[in-house]
């Protein structure tokens, strides 16, 4: 199993964008609408629950504009 750290670059930009939108919905409308949105757009339920229920695990924006090669 590959171990990922909090600083690893996001590899799935689509899912990352959907999670970010879900977090915005959570801040505005609450947990349940955000979870429903994430499930509808295909974010895996364990991922959605982890980011919605554990703010300390939210990824911060990637600091690099261009990933290392």
PDB file of N, CA and C in Angstrom:
ATOM      1  N   UNK A   1       0.843  -1.175   0.000  1.00  0.00           N
ATOM      2  CA  UNK A   1       0.000   0.000   0.000  1.00  0.00           C
ATOM      3  C   UNK A   1       0.889   1.239   0.000  1.00  0.00           C
ATOM      4  N   UNK A   2       0.570   2.171  -0.856  1.00  0.00           N
ATOM      5  CA  UNK A   2       1.333   3.405  -0.949  1.00  0.00           C
ATOM      6  C   UNK A   2       0.904   4.337   0.172  1.00  0.00           C
ATOM      7  N   UNK A   3       1.875   4.881   0.853  1.00  0.00           N
ATOM      8  CA  UNK A   3       1.571   5.793   1.952  1.00  0.00           C
ATOM      9  C   UNK A   3       1.624   7.224   1.435  1.00  0.00           C
ATOM     10  N   UNK A   4       0.554   7.976   1.653  1.00  0.00           N
ATOM     11  CA  UNK A   4       0.498   9.361   1.216  1.00  0.00           C
ATOM     12  C   UNK A   4       0.595  10.272   2.417  1.00  0.00           C
ATOM     13  N   UNK A   5       1.280  11.363   2.235  1.00  0.00           N
ATOM     14  CA  UNK A   5       1.346  12.335   3.320  1.00  0.00           C
ATOM     15  C   UNK A   5       0.459  13.518   2.971  1.00  0.00           C
ATOM     16  N   UNK A   6       0.279  14.393   3.914  1.00  0.00           N
ATOM     17  CA  UNK A   6      -0.555  15.574   3.742  1.00  0.00           C
ATOM     18  C   UNK A   6      -0.012  16.498   2.654  1.00  0.00           C
ATOM     19  N   UNK A   7       1.278  16.401   2.351  1.00  0.00           N
ATOM     20  CA  UNK A   7       1.897  17.298   1.385  1.00  0.00           C
ATOM     21  C   UNK A   7       1.997  16.718  -0.022  1.00  0.00           C
ATOM     22  N   UNK A   8       1.533  15.495  -0.222  1.00  0.00           N
ATOM     23  CA  UNK A   8       1.582  14.904  -1.557  1.00  0.00           C
ATOM     24  C   UNK A   8       0.663  15.666  -2.497  1.00  0.00           C
ATOM     25  N   UNK A   9       1.113  15.808  -3.730  1.00  0.00           N
ATOM     26  CA  UNK A   9       0.299  16.501  -4.726  1.00  0.00           C
ATOM     27  C   UNK A   9      -0.948  15.688  -5.029  1.00  0.00           C
ATOM     28  N   UNK A  10      -2.034  16.368  -5.240  1.00  0.00           N
ATOM     29  CA  UNK A  10      -3.262  15.675  -5.634  1.00  0.00           C
ATOM     30  C   UNK A  10      -3.074  15.187  -7.057  1.00  0.00           C
ATOM     31  N   UNK A  11      -3.396  13.939  -7.296  1.00  0.00           N
ATOM     32  CA  UNK A  11      -3.225  13.403  -8.638  1.00  0.00           C
ATOM     33  C   UNK A  11      -4.528  13.412  -9.415  1.00  0.00           C
ATOM     34  N   UNK A  12      -5.641  13.379  -8.749  1.00  0.00           N
ATOM     35  CA  UNK A  12      -6.938  13.366  -9.411  1.00  0.00           C
ATOM     36  C   UNK A  12      -7.571  14.748  -9.271  1.00  0.00           C
ATOM     37  N   UNK A  13      -7.334  15.588 -10.265  1.00  0.00           N
ATOM     38  CA  UNK A  13      -7.799  16.982 -10.204  1.00  0.00           C
ATOM     39  C   UNK A  13      -9.320  17.079 -10.209  1.00  0.00           C
ATOM     40  N   UNK A  14      -9.992  16.175 -10.897  1.00  0.00           N
ATOM     41  CA  UNK A  14     -11.455  16.217 -10.958  1.00  0.00           C
ATOM     42  C   UNK A  14     -12.044  15.960  -9.573  1.00  0.00           C
ATOM     43  N   UNK A  15     -11.606  14.889  -8.930  1.00  0.00           N
ATOM     44  CA  UNK A  15     -12.113  14.581  -7.591  1.00  0.00           C
ATOM     45  C   UNK A  15     -11.730  15.681  -6.609  1.00  0.00           C
ATOM     46  N   UNK A  16     -10.525  16.213  -6.734  1.00  0.00           N
ATOM     47  CA  UNK A  16     -10.096  17.299  -5.848  1.00  0.00           C
ATOM     48  C   UNK A  16     -11.021  18.501  -5.991  1.00  0.00           C
ATOM     49  N   UNK A  17     -11.406  18.832  -7.211  1.00  0.00           N
ATOM     50  CA  UNK A  17     -12.329  19.943  -7.432  1.00  0.00           C
ATOM     51  C   UNK A  17     -13.703  19.663  -6.856  1.00  0.00           C
ATOM     52  N   UNK A  18     -14.164  18.426  -6.992  1.00  0.00           N
ATOM     53  CA  UNK A  18     -15.472  18.062  -6.441  1.00  0.00           C
ATOM     54  C   UNK A  18     -15.453  18.113  -4.917  1.00  0.00           C
ATOM     55  N   UNK A  19     -14.361  17.689  -4.316  1.00  0.00           N
ATOM     56  CA  UNK A  19     -14.233  17.765  -2.860  1.00  0.00           C
ATOM     57  C   UNK A  19     -14.224  19.224  -2.418  1.00  0.00           C
ATOM     58  N   UNK A  20     -13.501  20.068  -3.135  1.00  0.00           N
ATOM     59  CA  UNK A  20     -13.478  21.496  -2.796  1.00  0.00           C
ATOM     60  C   UNK A  20     -14.873  22.100  -2.865  1.00  0.00           C
ATOM     61  N   UNK A  21     -15.639  21.744  -3.894  1.00  0.00           N
ATOM     62  CA  UNK A  21     -17.018  22.243  -4.003  1.00  0.00           C
ATOM     63  C   UNK A  21     -17.871  21.719  -2.856  1.00  0.00           C
ATOM     64  N   UNK A  22     -17.673  20.462  -2.500  1.00  0.00           N
ATOM     65  CA  UNK A  22     -18.403  19.891  -1.371  1.00  0.00           C
ATOM     66  C   UNK A  22     -18.098  20.608  -0.068  1.00  0.00           C
ATOM     67  N   UNK A  23     -16.841  20.992   0.124  1.00  0.00           N
ATOM     68  CA  UNK A  23     -16.467  21.731   1.330  1.00  0.00           C
ATOM     69  C   UNK A  23     -17.115  23.111   1.358  1.00  0.00           C
ATOM     70  N   UNK A  24     -17.224  23.737   0.194  1.00  0.00           N
ATOM     71  CA  UNK A  24     -17.913  25.035   0.122  1.00  0.00           C
ATOM     72  C   UNK A  24     -19.388  24.871   0.471  1.00  0.00           C
ATOM     73  N   UNK A  25     -20.004  23.817  -0.062  1.00  0.00           N
ATOM     74  CA  UNK A  25     -21.408  23.547   0.263  1.00  0.00           C
ATOM     75  C   UNK A  25     -21.575  23.273   1.750  1.00  0.00           C
ATOM     76  N   UNK A  26     -20.639  22.558   2.336  1.00  0.00           N
ATOM     77  CA  UNK A  26     -20.702  22.253   3.762  1.00  0.00           C
ATOM     78  C   UNK A  26     -20.661  23.536   4.584  1.00  0.00           C
ATOM     79  N   UNK A  27     -19.792  24.446   4.211  1.00  0.00           N
ATOM     80  CA  UNK A  27     -19.679  25.705   4.947  1.00  0.00           C
ATOM     81  C   UNK A  27     -20.956  26.529   4.829  1.00  0.00           C
ATOM     82  N   UNK A  28     -21.611  26.430   3.687  1.00  0.00           N
ATOM     83  CA  UNK A  28     -22.794  27.261   3.456  1.00  0.00           C
ATOM     84  C   UNK A  28     -24.099  26.607   3.907  1.00  0.00           C
ATOM     85  N   UNK A  29     -24.266  25.308   3.614  1.00  0.00           N
ATOM     86  CA  UNK A  29     -25.554  24.646   3.844  1.00  0.00           C
ATOM     87  C   UNK A  29     -25.522  23.529   4.885  1.00  0.00           C
ATOM     88  N   UNK A  30     -24.330  23.085   5.254  1.00  0.00           N
ATOM     89  CA  UNK A  30     -24.243  22.025   6.248  1.00  0.00           C
ATOM     90  C   UNK A  30     -23.719  20.716   5.688  1.00  0.00           C
ATOM     91  N   UNK A  31     -23.542  19.790   6.594  1.00  0.00           N
ATOM     92  CA  UNK A  31     -22.920  18.508   6.291  1.00  0.00           C
ATOM     93  C   UNK A  31     -23.733  17.640   5.333  1.00  0.00           C
ATOM     94  N   UNK A  32     -25.018  17.492   5.592  1.00  0.00           N
ATOM     95  CA  UNK A  32     -25.831  16.563   4.802  1.00  0.00           C
ATOM     96  C   UNK A  32     -25.905  16.949   3.323  1.00  0.00           C
ATOM     97  N   UNK A  33     -26.220  18.211   2.976  1.00  0.00           N
ATOM     98  CA  UNK A  33     -26.226  18.562   1.550  1.00  0.00           C
ATOM     99  C   UNK A  33     -24.858  18.364   0.886  1.00  0.00           C
ATOM    100  N   UNK A  34     -23.798  18.642   1.625  1.00  0.00           N
ATOM    101  CA  UNK A  34     -22.459  18.460   1.062  1.00  0.00           C
ATOM    102  C   UNK A  34     -22.172  16.983   0.802  1.00  0.00           C
ATOM    103  N   UNK A  35     -22.560  16.119   1.729  1.00  0.00           N
ATOM    104  CA  UNK A  35     -22.356  14.682   1.549  1.00  0.00           C
ATOM    105  C   UNK A  35     -23.169  14.169   0.363  1.00  0.00           C
ATOM    106  N   UNK A  36     -24.409  14.600   0.249  1.00  0.00           N
ATOM    107  CA  UNK A  36     -25.236  14.190  -0.891  1.00  0.00           C
ATOM    108  C   UNK A  36     -24.605  14.621  -2.208  1.00  0.00           C
ATOM    109  N   UNK A  37     -24.123  15.860  -2.266  1.00  0.00           N
ATOM    110  CA  UNK A  37     -23.471  16.355  -3.479  1.00  0.00           C
ATOM    111  C   UNK A  37     -22.272  15.484  -3.836  1.00  0.00           C
ATOM    112  N   UNK A  38     -21.415  15.239  -2.851  1.00  0.00           N
ATOM    113  CA  UNK A  38     -20.210  14.453  -3.128  1.00  0.00           C
ATOM    114  C   UNK A  38     -20.554  13.048  -3.604  1.00  0.00           C
ATOM    115  N   UNK A  39     -21.568  12.435  -3.011  1.00  0.00           N
ATOM    116  CA  UNK A  39     -21.973  11.102  -3.458  1.00  0.00           C
ATOM    117  C   UNK A  39     -22.503  11.149  -4.886  1.00  0.00           C
ATOM    118  N   UNK A  40     -23.259  12.181  -5.228  1.00  0.00           N
ATOM    119  CA  UNK A  40     -23.833  12.289  -6.570  1.00  0.00           C
ATOM    120  C   UNK A  40     -22.769  12.491  -7.641  1.00  0.00           C
ATOM    121  N   UNK A  41     -21.691  13.194  -7.311  1.00  0.00           N
ATOM    122  CA  UNK A  41     -20.658  13.438  -8.321  1.00  0.00           C
ATOM    123  C   UNK A  41     -19.575  12.364  -8.336  1.00  0.00           C
ATOM    124  N   UNK A  42     -19.686  11.369  -7.447  1.00  0.00           N
ATOM    125  CA  UNK A  42     -18.782  10.225  -7.515  1.00  0.00           C
ATOM    126  C   UNK A  42     -17.583  10.236  -6.587  1.00  0.00           C
ATOM    127  N   UNK A  43     -17.576  11.139  -5.616  1.00  0.00           N
ATOM    128  CA  UNK A  43     -16.496  11.106  -4.623  1.00  0.00           C
ATOM    129  C   UNK A  43     -16.723   9.872  -3.751  1.00  0.00           C
ATOM    130  N   UNK A  44     -15.713   9.026  -3.568  1.00  0.00           N
ATOM    131  CA  UNK A  44     -15.898   7.846  -2.716  1.00  0.00           C
ATOM    132  C   UNK A  44     -16.377   8.247  -1.317  1.00  0.00           C
ATOM    133  N   UNK A  45     -17.356   7.511  -0.809  1.00  0.00           N
ATOM    134  CA  UNK A  45     -17.955   7.849   0.491  1.00  0.00           C
ATOM    135  C   UNK A  45     -16.925   7.977   1.617  1.00  0.00           C
ATOM    136  N   UNK A  46     -15.946   7.058   1.727  1.00  0.00           N
ATOM    137  CA  UNK A  46     -14.953   7.229   2.799  1.00  0.00           C
ATOM    138  C   UNK A  46     -14.176   8.548   2.693  1.00  0.00           C
ATOM    139  N   UNK A  47     -13.883   8.960   1.474  1.00  0.00           N
ATOM    140  CA  UNK A  47     -13.179  10.232   1.271  1.00  0.00           C
ATOM    141  C   UNK A  47     -14.074  11.389   1.683  1.00  0.00           C
ATOM    142  N   UNK A  48     -15.326  11.362   1.229  1.00  0.00           N
ATOM    143  CA  UNK A  48     -16.267  12.432   1.565  1.00  0.00           C
ATOM    144  C   UNK A  48     -16.451  12.543   3.073  1.00  0.00           C
ATOM    145  N   UNK A  49     -16.645  11.420   3.736  1.00  0.00           N
ATOM    146  CA  UNK A  49     -16.835  11.447   5.188  1.00  0.00           C
ATOM    147  C   UNK A  49     -15.585  11.941   5.911  1.00  0.00           C
ATOM    148  N   UNK A  50     -14.420  11.529   5.434  1.00  0.00           N
ATOM    149  CA  UNK A  50     -13.177  11.953   6.084  1.00  0.00           C
ATOM    150  C   UNK A  50     -13.003  13.468   6.006  1.00  0.00           C
ATOM    151  N   UNK A  51     -13.211  14.041   4.827  1.00  0.00           N
ATOM    152  CA  UNK A  51     -12.976  15.483   4.711  1.00  0.00           C
ATOM    153  C   UNK A  51     -14.080  16.303   5.359  1.00  0.00           C
ATOM    154  N   UNK A  52     -15.311  15.798   5.345  1.00  0.00           N
ATOM    155  CA  UNK A  52     -16.403  16.563   5.943  1.00  0.00           C
ATOM    156  C   UNK A  52     -16.411  16.477   7.465  1.00  0.00           C
ATOM    157  N   UNK A  53     -15.999  15.356   8.000  1.00  0.00           N
ATOM    158  CA  UNK A  53     -16.080  15.148   9.452  1.00  0.00           C
ATOM    159  C   UNK A  53     -14.771  15.412  10.182  1.00  0.00           C
ATOM    160  N   UNK A  54     -13.698  15.610   9.464  1.00  0.00           N
ATOM    161  CA  UNK A  54     -12.392  15.798  10.098  1.00  0.00           C
ATOM    162  C   UNK A  54     -11.675  17.001   9.501  1.00  0.00           C
ATOM    163  N   UNK A  55     -12.037  18.202   9.919  1.00  0.00           N
ATOM    164  CA  UNK A  55     -11.412  19.396   9.338  1.00  0.00           C
ATOM    165  C   UNK A  55      -9.886  19.396   9.438  1.00  0.00           C
ATOM    166  N   UNK A  56      -9.329  18.734  10.434  1.00  0.00           N
ATOM    167  CA  UNK A  56      -7.869  18.711  10.549  1.00  0.00           C
ATOM    168  C   UNK A  56      -7.222  17.913   9.428  1.00  0.00           C
ATOM    169  N   UNK A  57      -8.024  17.121   8.696  1.00  0.00           N
ATOM    170  CA  UNK A  57      -7.490  16.357   7.571  1.00  0.00           C
ATOM    171  C   UNK A  57      -7.734  17.029   6.225  1.00  0.00           C
ATOM    172  N   UNK A  58      -8.334  18.221   6.212  1.00  0.00           N
ATOM    173  CA  UNK A  58      -8.533  18.927   4.943  1.00  0.00           C
ATOM    174  C   UNK A  58      -7.174  19.170   4.314  1.00  0.00           C
ATOM    175  N   UNK A  59      -7.089  18.952   3.047  1.00  0.00           N
ATOM    176  CA  UNK A  59      -5.859  19.295   2.345  1.00  0.00           C
ATOM    177  C   UNK A  59      -5.862  20.793   2.104  1.00  0.00           C
ATOM    178  N   UNK A  60      -4.713  21.387   2.263  1.00  0.00           N
ATOM    179  CA  UNK A  60      -4.565  22.787   1.906  1.00  0.00           C
ATOM    180  C   UNK A  60      -4.246  22.826   0.415  1.00  0.00           C
ATOM    181  N   UNK A  61      -4.431  23.961  -0.174  1.00  0.00           N
ATOM    182  CA  UNK A  61      -4.100  24.101  -1.595  1.00  0.00           C
ATOM    183  C   UNK A  61      -2.640  23.719  -1.810  1.00  0.00           C
ATOM    184  N   UNK A  62      -2.366  23.099  -2.938  1.00  0.00           N
ATOM    185  CA  UNK A  62      -0.988  22.783  -3.274  1.00  0.00           C
ATOM    186  C   UNK A  62      -0.224  24.088  -3.432  1.00  0.00           C
ATOM    187  N   UNK A  63       0.940  24.159  -2.819  1.00  0.00           N
ATOM    188  CA  UNK A  63       1.707  25.401  -2.848  1.00  0.00           C
ATOM    189  C   UNK A  63       2.381  25.620  -4.185  1.00  0.00           C
ATOM    190  N   UNK A  64       2.770  24.557  -4.837  1.00  0.00           N
ATOM    191  CA  UNK A  64       3.459  24.698  -6.118  1.00  0.00           C
ATOM    192  C   UNK A  64       2.462  24.970  -7.234  1.00  0.00           C
ATOM    193  N   UNK A  65       2.844  25.841  -8.115  1.00  0.00           N
ATOM    194  CA  UNK A  65       2.000  26.084  -9.292  1.00  0.00           C
ATOM    195  C   UNK A  65       2.213  24.991 -10.326  1.00  0.00           C
ATOM    196  N   UNK A  66       3.448  24.498 -10.386  1.00  0.00           N
ATOM    197  CA  UNK A  66       3.790  23.428 -11.322  1.00  0.00           C
ATOM    198  C   UNK A  66       4.402  22.294 -10.505  1.00  0.00           C
ATOM    199  N   UNK A  67       3.856  21.075 -10.644  1.00  0.00           N
ATOM    200  CA  UNK A  67       4.418  19.952  -9.884  1.00  0.00           C
ATOM    201  C   UNK A  67       5.869  19.687 -10.260  1.00  0.00           C
ATOM    202  N   UNK A  68       6.597  19.131  -9.307  1.00  0.00           N
ATOM    203  CA  UNK A  68       7.981  18.746  -9.602  1.00  0.00           C
ATOM    204  C   UNK A  68       7.993  17.667 -10.662  1.00  0.00           C
ATOM    205  N   UNK A  69       9.037  17.687 -11.464  1.00  0.00           N
ATOM    206  CA  UNK A  69       9.144  16.651 -12.507  1.00  0.00           C
ATOM    207  C   UNK A  69       9.974  15.493 -12.050  1.00  0.00           C
TER     208      UNK A  69
END
